[in-house]
């Protein structure tokens, strides 16, 4: 019984601390590797769009020698800028 209470308490703490913050930001794109990351972020910066990024999985940590960068970057923008961000990201390069 105590175990269930501790799990429920941990769940509530996580929901209360993470949930309100995540509602303001929307994941709009996921890229792999720093080259794609800087390409997409450059477009967002040029359009004046605020962004955040997270790296939930970093493949480089498993290899002691140089390999192709396959780090995953999740890119988030504010909810009200989602439509504009998607338009900018998918706009062809000039």
PDB file of N, CA and C in Angstrom:
ATOM      1  N   UNK A   1       0.830  -1.200   0.000  1.00  0.00           N
ATOM      2  CA  UNK A   1       0.000   0.000   0.000  1.00  0.00           C
ATOM      3  C   UNK A   1       0.870   1.259   0.000  1.00  0.00           C
ATOM      4  N   UNK A   2       1.919   1.228   0.799  1.00  0.00           N
ATOM      5  CA  UNK A   2       2.820   2.378   0.868  1.00  0.00           C
ATOM      6  C   UNK A   2       3.494   2.610  -0.485  1.00  0.00           C
ATOM      7  N   UNK A   3       3.808   1.539  -1.175  1.00  0.00           N
ATOM      8  CA  UNK A   3       4.435   1.649  -2.495  1.00  0.00           C
ATOM      9  C   UNK A   3       3.515   2.383  -3.473  1.00  0.00           C
ATOM     10  N   UNK A   4       2.239   2.033  -3.453  1.00  0.00           N
ATOM     11  CA  UNK A   4       1.282   2.695  -4.344  1.00  0.00           C
ATOM     12  C   UNK A   4       1.140   4.173  -4.013  1.00  0.00           C
ATOM     13  N   UNK A   5       1.180   4.499  -2.745  1.00  0.00           N
ATOM     14  CA  UNK A   5       1.083   5.907  -2.335  1.00  0.00           C
ATOM     15  C   UNK A   5       2.312   6.689  -2.801  1.00  0.00           C
ATOM     16  N   UNK A   6       3.485   6.079  -2.694  1.00  0.00           N
ATOM     17  CA  UNK A   6       4.708   6.753  -3.136  1.00  0.00           C
ATOM     18  C   UNK A   6       4.704   6.955  -4.658  1.00  0.00           C
ATOM     19  N   UNK A   7       4.247   5.954  -5.380  1.00  0.00           N
ATOM     20  CA  UNK A   7       4.156   6.084  -6.836  1.00  0.00           C
ATOM     21  C   UNK A   7       3.163   7.171  -7.209  1.00  0.00           C
ATOM     22  N   UNK A   8       2.015   7.200  -6.557  1.00  0.00           N
ATOM     23  CA  UNK A   8       1.003   8.231  -6.827  1.00  0.00           C
ATOM     24  C   UNK A   8       1.550   9.616  -6.503  1.00  0.00           C
ATOM     25  N   UNK A   9       2.263   9.740  -5.394  1.00  0.00           N
ATOM     26  CA  UNK A   9       2.851  11.028  -5.011  1.00  0.00           C
ATOM     27  C   UNK A   9       3.880  11.478  -6.040  1.00  0.00           C
ATOM     28  N   UNK A  10       4.731  10.569  -6.486  1.00  0.00           N
ATOM     29  CA  UNK A  10       5.744  10.908  -7.489  1.00  0.00           C
ATOM     30  C   UNK A  10       5.082  11.348  -8.789  1.00  0.00           C
ATOM     31  N   UNK A  11       4.033  10.661  -9.186  1.00  0.00           N
ATOM     32  CA  UNK A  11       3.308  11.024 -10.400  1.00  0.00           C
ATOM     33  C   UNK A  11       2.721  12.429 -10.289  1.00  0.00           C
ATOM     34  N   UNK A  12       2.126  12.734  -9.161  1.00  0.00           N
ATOM     35  CA  UNK A  12       1.527  14.053  -8.948  1.00  0.00           C
ATOM     36  C   UNK A  12       2.587  15.141  -8.989  1.00  0.00           C
ATOM     37  N   UNK A  13       3.718  14.888  -8.360  1.00  0.00           N
ATOM     38  CA  UNK A  13       4.806  15.873  -8.356  1.00  0.00           C
ATOM     39  C   UNK A  13       5.287  16.133  -9.785  1.00  0.00           C
ATOM     40  N   UNK A  14       5.449  15.090 -10.568  1.00  0.00           N
ATOM     41  CA  UNK A  14       5.904  15.249 -11.947  1.00  0.00           C
ATOM     42  C   UNK A  14       4.878  16.026 -12.764  1.00  0.00           C
ATOM     43  N   UNK A  15       3.622  15.677 -12.635  1.00  0.00           N
ATOM     44  CA  UNK A  15       2.569  16.363 -13.395  1.00  0.00           C
ATOM     45  C   UNK A  15       2.502  17.831 -13.013  1.00  0.00           C
ATOM     46  N   UNK A  16       2.589  18.131 -11.744  1.00  0.00           N
ATOM     47  CA  UNK A  16       2.475  19.519 -11.277  1.00  0.00           C
ATOM     48  C   UNK A  16       3.675  20.352 -11.717  1.00  0.00           C
ATOM     49  N   UNK A  17       4.858  19.768 -11.759  1.00  0.00           N
ATOM     50  CA  UNK A  17       6.043  20.553 -12.112  1.00  0.00           C
ATOM     51  C   UNK A  17       6.301  20.620 -13.604  1.00  0.00           C
ATOM     52  N   UNK A  18       5.987  19.582 -14.357  1.00  0.00           N
ATOM     53  CA  UNK A  18       6.299  19.546 -15.789  1.00  0.00           C
ATOM     54  C   UNK A  18       5.138  20.015 -16.651  1.00  0.00           C
ATOM     55  N   UNK A  19       3.935  19.609 -16.341  1.00  0.00           N
ATOM     56  CA  UNK A  19       2.777  19.872 -17.192  1.00  0.00           C
ATOM     57  C   UNK A  19       2.565  21.350 -17.523  1.00  0.00           C
ATOM     58  N   UNK A  20       2.532  22.265 -16.536  1.00  0.00           N
ATOM     59  CA  UNK A  20       2.259  23.672 -16.881  1.00  0.00           C
ATOM     60  C   UNK A  20       3.304  24.264 -17.816  1.00  0.00           C
ATOM     61  N   UNK A  21       4.549  23.859 -17.682  1.00  0.00           N
ATOM     62  CA  UNK A  21       5.604  24.404 -18.532  1.00  0.00           C
ATOM     63  C   UNK A  21       5.468  23.905 -19.963  1.00  0.00           C
ATOM     64  N   UNK A  22       5.091  22.657 -20.118  1.00  0.00           N
ATOM     65  CA  UNK A  22       5.052  22.083 -21.457  1.00  0.00           C
ATOM     66  C   UNK A  22       3.852  22.569 -22.269  1.00  0.00           C
ATOM     67  N   UNK A  23       2.858  23.108 -21.631  1.00  0.00           N
ATOM     68  CA  UNK A  23       1.679  23.577 -22.376  1.00  0.00           C
ATOM     69  C   UNK A  23       1.974  24.828 -23.176  1.00  0.00           C
ATOM     70  N   UNK A  24       2.999  25.575 -22.816  1.00  0.00           N
ATOM     71  CA  UNK A  24       3.319  26.810 -23.516  1.00  0.00           C
ATOM     72  C   UNK A  24       4.164  26.567 -24.769  1.00  0.00           C
ATOM     73  N   UNK A  25       4.764  25.403 -24.865  1.00  0.00           N
ATOM     74  CA  UNK A  25       5.666  25.084 -25.967  1.00  0.00           C
ATOM     75  C   UNK A  25       5.171  23.854 -26.704  1.00  0.00           C
ATOM     76  N   UNK A  26       5.307  23.862 -28.004  1.00  0.00           N
ATOM     77  CA  UNK A  26       4.831  22.770 -28.856  1.00  0.00           C
ATOM     78  C   UNK A  26       6.010  22.230 -29.668  1.00  0.00           C
ATOM     79  N   UNK A  27       6.162  20.913 -29.679  1.00  0.00           N
ATOM     80  CA  UNK A  27       7.221  20.319 -30.498  1.00  0.00           C
ATOM     81  C   UNK A  27       6.784  20.402 -31.951  1.00  0.00           C
ATOM     82  N   UNK A  28       7.618  21.054 -32.764  1.00  0.00           N
ATOM     83  CA  UNK A  28       7.262  21.245 -34.161  1.00  0.00           C
ATOM     84  C   UNK A  28       8.139  20.444 -35.117  1.00  0.00           C
ATOM     85  N   UNK A  29       9.294  19.996 -34.638  1.00  0.00           N
ATOM     86  CA  UNK A  29      10.200  19.323 -35.557  1.00  0.00           C
ATOM     87  C   UNK A  29      11.218  18.506 -34.783  1.00  0.00           C
ATOM     88  N   UNK A  30      11.663  17.418 -35.391  1.00  0.00           N
ATOM     89  CA  UNK A  30      12.731  16.594 -34.842  1.00  0.00           C
ATOM     90  C   UNK A  30      13.762  16.392 -35.936  1.00  0.00           C
ATOM     91  N   UNK A  31      15.023  16.626 -35.597  1.00  0.00           N
ATOM     92  CA  UNK A  31      16.115  16.427 -36.553  1.00  0.00           C
ATOM     93  C   UNK A  31      17.163  15.515 -35.924  1.00  0.00           C
ATOM     94  N   UNK A  32      18.019  14.963 -36.772  1.00  0.00           N
ATOM     95  CA  UNK A  32      19.102  14.113 -36.302  1.00  0.00           C
ATOM     96  C   UNK A  32      20.414  14.665 -36.833  1.00  0.00           C
ATOM     97  N   UNK A  33      21.305  14.991 -35.923  1.00  0.00           N
ATOM     98  CA  UNK A  33      22.610  15.543 -36.286  1.00  0.00           C
ATOM     99  C   UNK A  33      22.636  17.051 -36.183  1.00  0.00           C
ATOM    100  N   UNK A  34      23.842  17.566 -35.859  1.00  0.00           N
ATOM    101  CA  UNK A  34      23.973  19.002 -35.636  1.00  0.00           C
ATOM    102  C   UNK A  34      23.797  19.820 -36.917  1.00  0.00           C
ATOM    103  N   UNK A  35      24.116  19.242 -38.089  1.00  0.00           N
ATOM    104  CA  UNK A  35      23.960  20.000 -39.331  1.00  0.00           C
ATOM    105  C   UNK A  35      22.493  20.326 -39.591  1.00  0.00           C
ATOM    106  N   UNK A  36      21.613  19.328 -39.452  1.00  0.00           N
ATOM    107  CA  UNK A  36      20.178  19.580 -39.635  1.00  0.00           C
ATOM    108  C   UNK A  36      19.655  20.505 -38.546  1.00  0.00           C
ATOM    109  N   UNK A  37      20.163  20.327 -37.320  1.00  0.00           N
ATOM    110  CA  UNK A  37      19.724  21.173 -36.208  1.00  0.00           C
ATOM    111  C   UNK A  37      19.994  22.645 -36.519  1.00  0.00           C
ATOM    112  N   UNK A  38      21.228  22.971 -36.905  1.00  0.00           N
ATOM    113  CA  UNK A  38      21.567  24.366 -37.167  1.00  0.00           C
ATOM    114  C   UNK A  38      20.850  24.902 -38.405  1.00  0.00           C
ATOM    115  N   UNK A  39      20.558  24.049 -39.352  1.00  0.00           N
ATOM    116  CA  UNK A  39      19.804  24.474 -40.536  1.00  0.00           C
ATOM    117  C   UNK A  39      18.397  24.936 -40.129  1.00  0.00           C
ATOM    118  N   UNK A  40      17.703  24.124 -39.339  1.00  0.00           N
ATOM    119  CA  UNK A  40      16.334  24.452 -38.919  1.00  0.00           C
ATOM    120  C   UNK A  40      16.332  25.633 -37.954  1.00  0.00           C
ATOM    121  N   UNK A  41      17.239  25.617 -36.991  1.00  0.00           N
ATOM    122  CA  UNK A  41      17.301  26.709 -36.012  1.00  0.00           C
ATOM    123  C   UNK A  41      17.653  28.026 -36.698  1.00  0.00           C
ATOM    124  N   UNK A  42      18.493  27.972 -37.708  1.00  0.00           N
ATOM    125  CA  UNK A  42      18.835  29.179 -38.463  1.00  0.00           C
ATOM    126  C   UNK A  42      17.616  29.793 -39.123  1.00  0.00           C
ATOM    127  N   UNK A  43      16.752  28.954 -39.672  1.00  0.00           N
ATOM    128  CA  UNK A  43      15.513  29.454 -40.285  1.00  0.00           C
ATOM    129  C   UNK A  43      14.624  30.109 -39.235  1.00  0.00           C
ATOM    130  N   UNK A  44      14.505  29.471 -38.063  1.00  0.00           N
ATOM    131  CA  UNK A  44      13.669  30.039 -37.001  1.00  0.00           C
ATOM    132  C   UNK A  44      14.225  31.372 -36.518  1.00  0.00           C
ATOM    133  N   UNK A  45      15.537  31.436 -36.323  1.00  0.00           N
ATOM    134  CA  UNK A  45      16.164  32.687 -35.875  1.00  0.00           C
ATOM    135  C   UNK A  45      15.955  33.803 -36.892  1.00  0.00           C
ATOM    136  N   UNK A  46      16.121  33.478 -38.165  1.00  0.00           N
ATOM    137  CA  UNK A  46      15.954  34.488 -39.217  1.00  0.00           C
ATOM    138  C   UNK A  46      14.538  35.045 -39.240  1.00  0.00           C
ATOM    139  N   UNK A  47      13.563  34.215 -38.854  1.00  0.00           N
ATOM    140  CA  UNK A  47      12.167  34.656 -38.831  1.00  0.00           C
ATOM    141  C   UNK A  47      11.796  35.286 -37.489  1.00  0.00           C
ATOM    142  N   UNK A  48      12.727  35.329 -36.547  1.00  0.00           N
ATOM    143  CA  UNK A  48      12.457  35.932 -35.242  1.00  0.00           C
ATOM    144  C   UNK A  48      11.584  35.075 -34.342  1.00  0.00           C
ATOM    145  N   UNK A  49      11.640  33.762 -34.520  1.00  0.00           N
ATOM    146  CA  UNK A  49      10.809  32.844 -33.733  1.00  0.00           C
ATOM    147  C   UNK A  49      11.615  32.281 -32.570  1.00  0.00           C
ATOM    148  N   UNK A  50      11.076  32.400 -31.371  1.00  0.00           N
ATOM    149  CA  UNK A  50      11.716  31.839 -30.185  1.00  0.00           C
ATOM    150  C   UNK A  50      11.596  30.326 -30.222  1.00  0.00           C
ATOM    151  N   UNK A  51      12.643  29.642 -29.767  1.00  0.00           N
ATOM    152  CA  UNK A  51      12.628  28.182 -29.776  1.00  0.00           C
ATOM    153  C   UNK A  51      13.384  27.630 -28.577  1.00  0.00           C
ATOM    154  N   UNK A  52      13.117  26.382 -28.290  1.00  0.00           N
ATOM    155  CA  UNK A  52      13.869  25.604 -27.305  1.00  0.00           C
ATOM    156  C   UNK A  52      14.162  24.272 -27.958  1.00  0.00           C
ATOM    157  N   UNK A  53      15.169  23.592 -27.452  1.00  0.00           N
ATOM    158  CA  UNK A  53      15.441  22.260 -27.995  1.00  0.00           C
ATOM    159  C   UNK A  53      15.817  21.316 -26.862  1.00  0.00           C
ATOM    160  N   UNK A  54      15.552  20.047 -27.109  1.00  0.00           N
ATOM    161  CA  UNK A  54      15.901  18.994 -26.159  1.00  0.00           C
ATOM    162  C   UNK A  54      16.588  17.888 -26.930  1.00  0.00           C
ATOM    163  N   UNK A  55      17.475  17.195 -26.260  1.00  0.00           N
ATOM    164  CA  UNK A  55      18.161  16.051 -26.872  1.00  0.00           C
ATOM    165  C   UNK A  55      17.850  14.817 -26.036  1.00  0.00           C
ATOM    166  N   UNK A  56      16.731  14.150 -26.329  1.00  0.00           N
ATOM    167  CA  UNK A  56      16.351  12.992 -25.533  1.00  0.00           C
ATOM    168  C   UNK A  56      17.248  11.786 -25.755  1.00  0.00           C
ATOM    169  N   UNK A  57      17.955  11.758 -26.875  1.00  0.00           N
ATOM    170  CA  UNK A  57      18.816  10.617 -27.166  1.00  0.00           C
ATOM    171  C   UNK A  57      20.072  11.128 -27.854  1.00  0.00           C
ATOM    172  N   UNK A  58      21.228  10.830 -27.270  1.00  0.00           N
ATOM    173  CA  UNK A  58      22.504  11.258 -27.835  1.00  0.00           C
ATOM    174  C   UNK A  58      23.336  10.023 -28.134  1.00  0.00           C
ATOM    175  N   UNK A  59      23.392   9.633 -29.390  1.00  0.00           N
ATOM    176  CA  UNK A  59      24.100   8.412 -29.794  1.00  0.00           C
ATOM    177  C   UNK A  59      25.608   8.541 -29.641  1.00  0.00           C
ATOM    178  N   UNK A  60      26.140   9.752 -29.610  1.00  0.00           N
ATOM    179  CA  UNK A  60      27.590   9.930 -29.517  1.00  0.00           C
ATOM    180  C   UNK A  60      28.145   9.409 -28.202  1.00  0.00           C
ATOM    181  N   UNK A  61      27.343   9.355 -27.159  1.00  0.00           N
ATOM    182  CA  UNK A  61      27.822   8.928 -25.855  1.00  0.00           C
ATOM    183  C   UNK A  61      28.247   7.466 -25.844  1.00  0.00           C
ATOM    184  N   UNK A  62      27.790   6.678 -26.805  1.00  0.00           N
ATOM    185  CA  UNK A  62      28.075   5.252 -26.825  1.00  0.00           C
ATOM    186  C   UNK A  62      29.317   4.912 -27.637  1.00  0.00           C
ATOM    187  N   UNK A  63      29.863   5.876 -28.388  1.00  0.00           N
ATOM    188  CA  UNK A  63      30.989   5.596 -29.261  1.00  0.00           C
ATOM    189  C   UNK A  63      32.200   6.418 -28.839  1.00  0.00           C
ATOM    190  N   UNK A  64      33.308   5.753 -28.496  1.00  0.00           N
ATOM    191  CA  UNK A  64      34.515   6.488 -28.096  1.00  0.00           C
ATOM    192  C   UNK A  64      35.274   7.058 -29.291  1.00  0.00           C
ATOM    193  N   UNK A  65      34.912   6.661 -30.503  1.00  0.00           N
ATOM    194  CA  UNK A  65      35.600   7.138 -31.694  1.00  0.00           C
ATOM    195  C   UNK A  65      34.623   7.933 -32.559  1.00  0.00           C
ATOM    196  N   UNK A  66      35.147   8.773 -33.455  1.00  0.00           N
ATOM    197  CA  UNK A  66      34.259   9.618 -34.282  1.00  0.00           C
ATOM    198  C   UNK A  66      33.322   8.794 -35.167  1.00  0.00           C
ATOM    199  N   UNK A  67      32.066   9.137 -35.114  1.00  0.00           N
ATOM    200  CA  UNK A  67      31.052   8.536 -35.980  1.00  0.00           C
ATOM    201  C   UNK A  67      30.148   9.654 -36.471  1.00  0.00           C
ATOM    202  N   UNK A  68      29.305   9.324 -37.434  1.00  0.00           N
ATOM    203  CA  UNK A  68      28.349  10.323 -37.918  1.00  0.00           C
ATOM    204  C   UNK A  68      27.432  10.738 -36.771  1.00  0.00           C
ATOM    205  N   UNK A  69      27.229  12.033 -36.639  1.00  0.00           N
ATOM    206  CA  UNK A  69      26.386  12.555 -35.558  1.00  0.00           C
ATOM    207  C   UNK A  69      24.929  12.207 -35.826  1.00  0.00           C
ATOM    208  N   UNK A  70      24.355  11.401 -34.955  1.00  0.00           N
ATOM    209  CA  UNK A  70      22.943  11.034 -35.071  1.00  0.00           C
ATOM    210  C   UNK A  70      22.163  11.471 -33.843  1.00  0.00           C
ATOM    211  N   UNK A  71      22.669  12.495 -33.176  1.00  0.00           N
ATOM    212  CA  UNK A  71      21.981  13.010 -32.000  1.00  0.00           C
ATOM    213  C   UNK A  71      20.592  13.499 -32.391  1.00  0.00           C
ATOM    214  N   UNK A  72      19.595  13.140 -31.595  1.00  0.00           N
ATOM    215  CA  UNK A  72      18.222  13.588 -31.851  1.00  0.00           C
ATOM    216  C   UNK A  72      17.993  14.927 -31.169  1.00  0.00           C
ATOM    217  N   UNK A  73      17.473  15.885 -31.918  1.00  0.00           N
ATOM    218  CA  UNK A  73      17.110  17.201 -31.383  1.00  0.00           C
ATOM    219  C   UNK A  73      15.619  17.411 -31.609  1.00  0.00           C
ATOM    220  N   UNK A  74      14.875  17.617 -30.532  1.00  0.00           N
ATOM    221  CA  UNK A  74      13.465  17.983 -30.636  1.00  0.00           C
ATOM    222  C   UNK A  74      13.387  19.495 -30.497  1.00  0.00           C
ATOM    223  N   UNK A  75      12.736  20.147 -31.445  1.00  0.00           N
ATOM    224  CA  UNK A  75      12.668  21.608 -31.465  1.00  0.00           C
ATOM    225  C   UNK A  75      11.254  22.045 -31.112  1.00  0.00           C
ATOM    226  N   UNK A  76      11.166  22.936 -30.130  1.00  0.00           N
ATOM    227  CA  UNK A  76       9.892  23.431 -29.607  1.00  0.00           C
ATOM    228  C   UNK A  76       9.777  24.928 -29.871  1.00  0.00           C
ATOM    229  N   UNK A  77       8.569  25.379 -30.145  1.00  0.00           N
ATOM    230  CA  UNK A  77       8.270  26.807 -30.266  1.00  0.00           C
ATOM    231  C   UNK A  77       7.047  27.113 -29.408  1.00  0.00           C
ATOM    232  N   UNK A  78       6.836  28.377 -29.142  1.00  0.00           N
ATOM    233  CA  UNK A  78       5.657  28.762 -28.373  1.00  0.00           C
ATOM    234  C   UNK A  78       4.407  28.421 -29.157  1.00  0.00           C
ATOM    235  N   UNK A  79       3.372  28.046 -28.437  1.00  0.00           N
ATOM    236  CA  UNK A  79       2.131  27.601 -29.082  1.00  0.00           C
ATOM    237  C   UNK A  79       1.613  28.587 -30.120  1.00  0.00           C
ATOM    238  N   UNK A  80       1.660  29.865 -29.802  1.00  0.00           N
ATOM    239  CA  UNK A  80       1.104  30.848 -30.722  1.00  0.00           C
ATOM    240  C   UNK A  80       1.958  31.042 -31.972  1.00  0.00           C
ATOM    241  N   UNK A  81       3.188  30.519 -31.979  1.00  0.00           N
ATOM    242  CA  UNK A  81       4.060  30.648 -33.147  1.00  0.00           C
ATOM    243  C   UNK A  81       4.184  29.342 -33.939  1.00  0.00           C
ATOM    244  N   UNK A  82       3.408  28.340 -33.575  1.00  0.00           N
ATOM    245  CA  UNK A  82       3.520  27.028 -34.216  1.00  0.00           C
ATOM    246  C   UNK A  82       3.295  27.099 -35.727  1.00  0.00           C
ATOM    247  N   UNK A  83       2.215  27.726 -36.142  1.00  0.00           N
ATOM    248  CA  UNK A  83       1.891  27.776 -37.570  1.00  0.00           C
ATOM    249  C   UNK A  83       3.000  28.475 -38.362  1.00  0.00           C
ATOM    250  N   UNK A  84       3.454  29.611 -37.870  1.00  0.00           N
ATOM    251  CA  UNK A  84       4.520  30.356 -38.548  1.00  0.00           C
ATOM    252  C   UNK A  84       5.810  29.542 -38.580  1.00  0.00           C
ATOM    253  N   UNK A  85       6.124  28.872 -37.480  1.00  0.00           N
ATOM    254  CA  UNK A  85       7.352  28.074 -37.423  1.00  0.00           C
ATOM    255  C   UNK A  85       7.325  26.949 -38.447  1.00  0.00           C
ATOM    256  N   UNK A  86       6.208  26.260 -38.558  1.00  0.00           N
ATOM    257  CA  UNK A  86       6.102  25.180 -39.538  1.00  0.00           C
ATOM    258  C   UNK A  86       6.224  25.712 -40.962  1.00  0.00           C
ATOM    259  N   UNK A  87       5.639  26.862 -41.210  1.00  0.00           N
ATOM    260  CA  UNK A  87       5.731  27.477 -42.535  1.00  0.00           C
ATOM    261  C   UNK A  87       7.192  27.813 -42.862  1.00  0.00           C
ATOM    262  N   UNK A  88       7.890  28.386 -41.893  1.00  0.00           N
ATOM    263  CA  UNK A  88       9.284  28.775 -42.099  1.00  0.00           C
ATOM    264  C   UNK A  88      10.179  27.544 -42.272  1.00  0.00           C
ATOM    265  N   UNK A  89       9.976  26.541 -41.455  1.00  0.00           N
ATOM    266  CA  UNK A  89      10.802  25.330 -41.515  1.00  0.00           C
ATOM    267  C   UNK A  89      10.653  24.629 -42.863  1.00  0.00           C
ATOM    268  N   UNK A  90       9.444  24.552 -43.366  1.00  0.00           N
ATOM    269  CA  UNK A  90       9.192  23.819 -44.607  1.00  0.00           C
ATOM    270  C   UNK A  90       9.332  24.670 -45.863  1.00  0.00           C
ATOM    271  N   UNK A  91       9.709  25.929 -45.689  1.00  0.00           N
ATOM    272  CA  UNK A  91       9.922  26.807 -46.820  1.00  0.00           C
ATOM    273  C   UNK A  91      11.213  26.387 -47.541  1.00  0.00           C
ATOM    274  N   UNK A  92      11.186  26.279 -48.864  1.00  0.00           N
ATOM    275  CA  UNK A  92      12.402  25.879 -49.592  1.00  0.00           C
ATOM    276  C   UNK A  92      13.518  26.905 -49.427  1.00  0.00           C
ATOM    277  N   UNK A  93      14.746  26.436 -49.492  1.00  0.00           N
ATOM    278  CA  UNK A  93      15.900  27.338 -49.392  1.00  0.00           C
ATOM    279  C   UNK A  93      15.999  28.172 -50.661  1.00  0.00           C
ATOM    280  N   UNK A  94      16.496  29.351 -50.465  1.00  0.00           N
ATOM    281  CA  UNK A  94      16.655  30.265 -51.625  1.00  0.00           C
ATOM    282  C   UNK A  94      18.082  30.390 -51.999  1.00  0.00           C
TER     283      UNK A  94
END
